[in-house]
Structure formats: structure tokens, C-alpha cells
N, C-alpha and C. Protein backbone atom coordinates (compact mmCIF):
# COMPACT_ATOMS: atom_id res chain seq x y z
N ILE A 1 76.09 52.52 -9.12
CA ILE A 1 76.72 53.82 -9.07
C ILE A 1 78.14 53.58 -8.60
N PRO A 2 79.10 53.71 -9.49
CA PRO A 2 80.49 53.43 -9.12
C PRO A 2 80.95 54.29 -7.94
N ASN A 3 81.57 53.65 -6.99
CA ASN A 3 82.15 54.32 -5.82
C ASN A 3 81.13 55.11 -5.00
N ASP A 4 79.88 54.71 -5.06
CA ASP A 4 78.84 55.38 -4.28
C ASP A 4 79.13 55.15 -2.80
N PRO A 5 79.27 56.20 -2.01
CA PRO A 5 79.56 56.03 -0.59
C PRO A 5 78.35 55.55 0.22
N ARG A 6 77.18 55.63 -0.39
CA ARG A 6 75.97 55.23 0.32
C ARG A 6 75.68 53.75 0.11
N PRO A 7 74.95 53.12 1.03
CA PRO A 7 74.64 51.69 0.89
C PRO A 7 73.66 51.43 -0.25
N ALA A 8 73.61 50.19 -0.69
CA ALA A 8 72.78 49.80 -1.84
C ALA A 8 71.31 50.12 -1.64
N PHE A 9 70.82 50.07 -0.41
CA PHE A 9 69.41 50.34 -0.17
C PHE A 9 69.10 51.82 0.04
N ARG A 10 70.13 52.66 0.01
CA ARG A 10 69.95 54.12 0.10
C ARG A 10 70.96 54.79 -0.83
N PRO A 11 70.89 54.47 -2.11
CA PRO A 11 71.90 54.98 -3.06
C PRO A 11 71.76 56.48 -3.32
N SER A 12 72.79 57.03 -3.91
CA SER A 12 72.80 58.45 -4.27
C SER A 12 72.03 58.71 -5.56
N GLY A 13 71.65 57.66 -6.26
CA GLY A 13 70.94 57.80 -7.53
C GLY A 13 70.14 56.54 -7.81
N ILE A 14 69.76 56.38 -9.04
CA ILE A 14 68.97 55.22 -9.44
C ILE A 14 69.91 54.08 -9.84
N ARG A 15 69.70 52.93 -9.24
CA ARG A 15 70.48 51.74 -9.61
C ARG A 15 69.62 50.87 -10.51
N ILE A 16 70.16 50.47 -11.63
CA ILE A 16 69.43 49.63 -12.58
C ILE A 16 70.16 48.30 -12.69
N GLY A 17 69.44 47.22 -12.42
CA GLY A 17 70.04 45.88 -12.46
C GLY A 17 70.18 45.36 -13.87
N THR A 18 71.24 45.77 -14.54
CA THR A 18 71.42 45.35 -15.93
C THR A 18 71.62 43.84 -16.10
N PRO A 19 72.22 43.11 -15.16
CA PRO A 19 72.33 41.66 -15.37
C PRO A 19 70.95 41.00 -15.51
N ALA A 20 69.99 41.44 -14.72
CA ALA A 20 68.64 40.87 -14.83
C ALA A 20 68.03 41.20 -16.18
N MET A 21 68.30 42.39 -16.69
CA MET A 21 67.74 42.77 -17.98
C MET A 21 68.38 41.99 -19.13
N THR A 22 69.69 41.83 -19.09
CA THR A 22 70.34 41.11 -20.18
C THR A 22 69.95 39.64 -20.17
N THR A 23 69.66 39.08 -19.00
CA THR A 23 69.17 37.71 -18.92
C THR A 23 67.86 37.56 -19.68
N ARG A 24 67.07 38.63 -19.70
CA ARG A 24 65.78 38.61 -20.40
C ARG A 24 65.93 38.98 -21.88
N GLY A 25 67.14 39.28 -22.31
CA GLY A 25 67.37 39.59 -23.72
C GLY A 25 67.36 41.06 -24.08
N VAL A 26 67.35 41.93 -23.08
CA VAL A 26 67.39 43.37 -23.34
C VAL A 26 68.76 43.73 -23.89
N LYS A 27 68.78 44.49 -24.97
CA LYS A 27 70.02 44.93 -25.61
C LYS A 27 70.27 46.40 -25.28
N SER A 28 71.45 46.88 -25.62
CA SER A 28 71.80 48.27 -25.30
C SER A 28 70.83 49.26 -25.95
N LYS A 29 70.35 48.96 -27.15
CA LYS A 29 69.41 49.87 -27.81
C LYS A 29 68.09 49.95 -27.03
N ASP A 30 67.73 48.87 -26.34
CA ASP A 30 66.50 48.86 -25.54
C ASP A 30 66.65 49.70 -24.28
N MET A 31 67.88 49.85 -23.81
CA MET A 31 68.13 50.66 -22.61
C MET A 31 67.72 52.11 -22.84
N ILE A 32 67.82 52.57 -24.06
CA ILE A 32 67.40 53.95 -24.37
C ILE A 32 65.93 54.12 -24.03
N GLN A 33 65.11 53.14 -24.37
CA GLN A 33 63.68 53.21 -24.06
C GLN A 33 63.45 53.14 -22.55
N ILE A 34 64.21 52.30 -21.87
CA ILE A 34 64.07 52.18 -20.41
C ILE A 34 64.41 53.51 -19.74
N VAL A 35 65.48 54.13 -20.18
CA VAL A 35 65.86 55.44 -19.64
C VAL A 35 64.76 56.46 -19.91
N ASP A 36 64.16 56.39 -21.09
CA ASP A 36 63.07 57.32 -21.41
C ASP A 36 61.88 57.10 -20.48
N PHE A 37 61.55 55.85 -20.18
CA PHE A 37 60.46 55.58 -19.24
C PHE A 37 60.75 56.21 -17.88
N ILE A 38 61.97 56.03 -17.40
CA ILE A 38 62.36 56.58 -16.11
C ILE A 38 62.28 58.10 -16.14
N ASP A 39 62.81 58.70 -17.21
CA ASP A 39 62.79 60.16 -17.36
C ASP A 39 61.36 60.69 -17.36
N GLN A 40 60.49 60.05 -18.14
CA GLN A 40 59.08 60.49 -18.19
C GLN A 40 58.42 60.37 -16.82
N ALA A 41 58.65 59.27 -16.13
CA ALA A 41 58.02 59.05 -14.83
C ALA A 41 58.47 60.10 -13.81
N ILE A 42 59.75 60.45 -13.84
CA ILE A 42 60.24 61.48 -12.92
C ILE A 42 59.62 62.83 -13.25
N LYS A 43 59.61 63.17 -14.53
CA LYS A 43 59.07 64.47 -14.94
C LYS A 43 57.57 64.58 -14.69
N LYS A 44 56.84 63.47 -14.78
CA LYS A 44 55.38 63.49 -14.66
C LYS A 44 54.90 62.85 -13.36
N ARG A 45 55.76 62.84 -12.36
CA ARG A 45 55.47 62.15 -11.11
C ARG A 45 54.22 62.67 -10.39
N ASP A 46 53.80 63.89 -10.67
CA ASP A 46 52.62 64.46 -10.02
C ASP A 46 51.36 64.33 -10.86
N ASN A 47 51.43 63.58 -11.96
CA ASN A 47 50.28 63.45 -12.86
C ASN A 47 49.87 61.98 -12.93
N PRO A 48 48.87 61.58 -12.15
CA PRO A 48 48.47 60.17 -12.11
C PRO A 48 48.07 59.60 -13.47
N ASP A 49 47.42 60.40 -14.31
CA ASP A 49 47.02 59.90 -15.63
C ASP A 49 48.24 59.60 -16.49
N SER A 50 49.22 60.49 -16.45
CA SER A 50 50.45 60.26 -17.22
C SER A 50 51.19 59.04 -16.69
N LEU A 51 51.24 58.89 -15.38
CA LEU A 51 51.92 57.74 -14.80
C LEU A 51 51.22 56.43 -15.17
N ALA A 52 49.90 56.46 -15.24
CA ALA A 52 49.17 55.26 -15.66
C ALA A 52 49.51 54.90 -17.10
N GLU A 53 49.64 55.90 -17.96
CA GLU A 53 50.00 55.65 -19.36
C GLU A 53 51.42 55.10 -19.46
N ILE A 54 52.34 55.67 -18.70
CA ILE A 54 53.72 55.19 -18.70
C ILE A 54 53.75 53.74 -18.20
N LYS A 55 52.99 53.45 -17.16
CA LYS A 55 52.93 52.09 -16.62
C LYS A 55 52.47 51.11 -17.69
N ALA A 56 51.46 51.48 -18.45
CA ALA A 56 50.96 50.61 -19.52
C ALA A 56 52.03 50.41 -20.59
N GLN A 57 52.75 51.46 -20.92
CA GLN A 57 53.82 51.36 -21.92
C GLN A 57 54.94 50.44 -21.42
N VAL A 58 55.28 50.58 -20.14
CA VAL A 58 56.32 49.72 -19.55
C VAL A 58 55.87 48.26 -19.57
N ARG A 59 54.61 48.02 -19.23
CA ARG A 59 54.08 46.65 -19.24
C ARG A 59 54.20 46.05 -20.64
N ASP A 60 53.78 46.80 -21.65
CA ASP A 60 53.87 46.31 -23.03
C ASP A 60 55.32 46.06 -23.44
N PHE A 61 56.20 46.95 -23.06
CA PHE A 61 57.63 46.81 -23.36
C PHE A 61 58.18 45.55 -22.70
N ALA A 62 57.87 45.36 -21.42
CA ALA A 62 58.41 44.23 -20.67
C ALA A 62 57.93 42.89 -21.23
N LEU A 63 56.74 42.86 -21.80
CA LEU A 63 56.22 41.62 -22.38
C LEU A 63 57.06 41.13 -23.56
N ARG A 64 57.82 42.03 -24.15
CA ARG A 64 58.71 41.64 -25.25
C ARG A 64 59.92 40.85 -24.76
N PHE A 65 60.14 40.86 -23.44
CA PHE A 65 61.33 40.24 -22.85
C PHE A 65 60.91 39.30 -21.72
N PRO A 66 60.36 38.13 -22.07
CA PRO A 66 59.88 37.21 -21.03
C PRO A 66 61.02 36.65 -20.19
N LEU A 67 60.67 36.26 -18.98
CA LEU A 67 61.65 35.61 -18.12
C LEU A 67 62.07 34.29 -18.74
N PRO A 68 63.36 33.96 -18.61
CA PRO A 68 63.84 32.69 -19.20
C PRO A 68 63.27 31.47 -18.49
């Protein structure tokens, strides 16, 4: 978060470590899916079944980008 007055461990918003993602081969088009996962999880945060489904989708997505 550019110019965030708060410390890294208490940010004003969500910080996403893009260097770690690009190391795994994530491209800008893949970021759209990552943002969608985050959006869905926030919107459905009170629904454990929905969160379990999102978790499974994230797991499948992440398997496409193995650690180097």
C-alpha cells in the first residue's frame, strides 16, 4: 500500500506479495483470479461451506504455480 502510514504488520488494507507470486510464474492475467478469490472470501466470510469451496479452488489454482 503506497505511503501507508501504518506498519507492515498492521496495514490499512490487504498487502499482496507480488514478488513471491511472479517467482512462481503468476502473470498479470492470473492476478484477476487471485483478486476474485479474495473478493469472494470477504463477501462469504460468514459461510463456512462457501469458504471451504473457495479454499479448494485456491488450492487447485496454486498447484498450477509450483515453487521453483
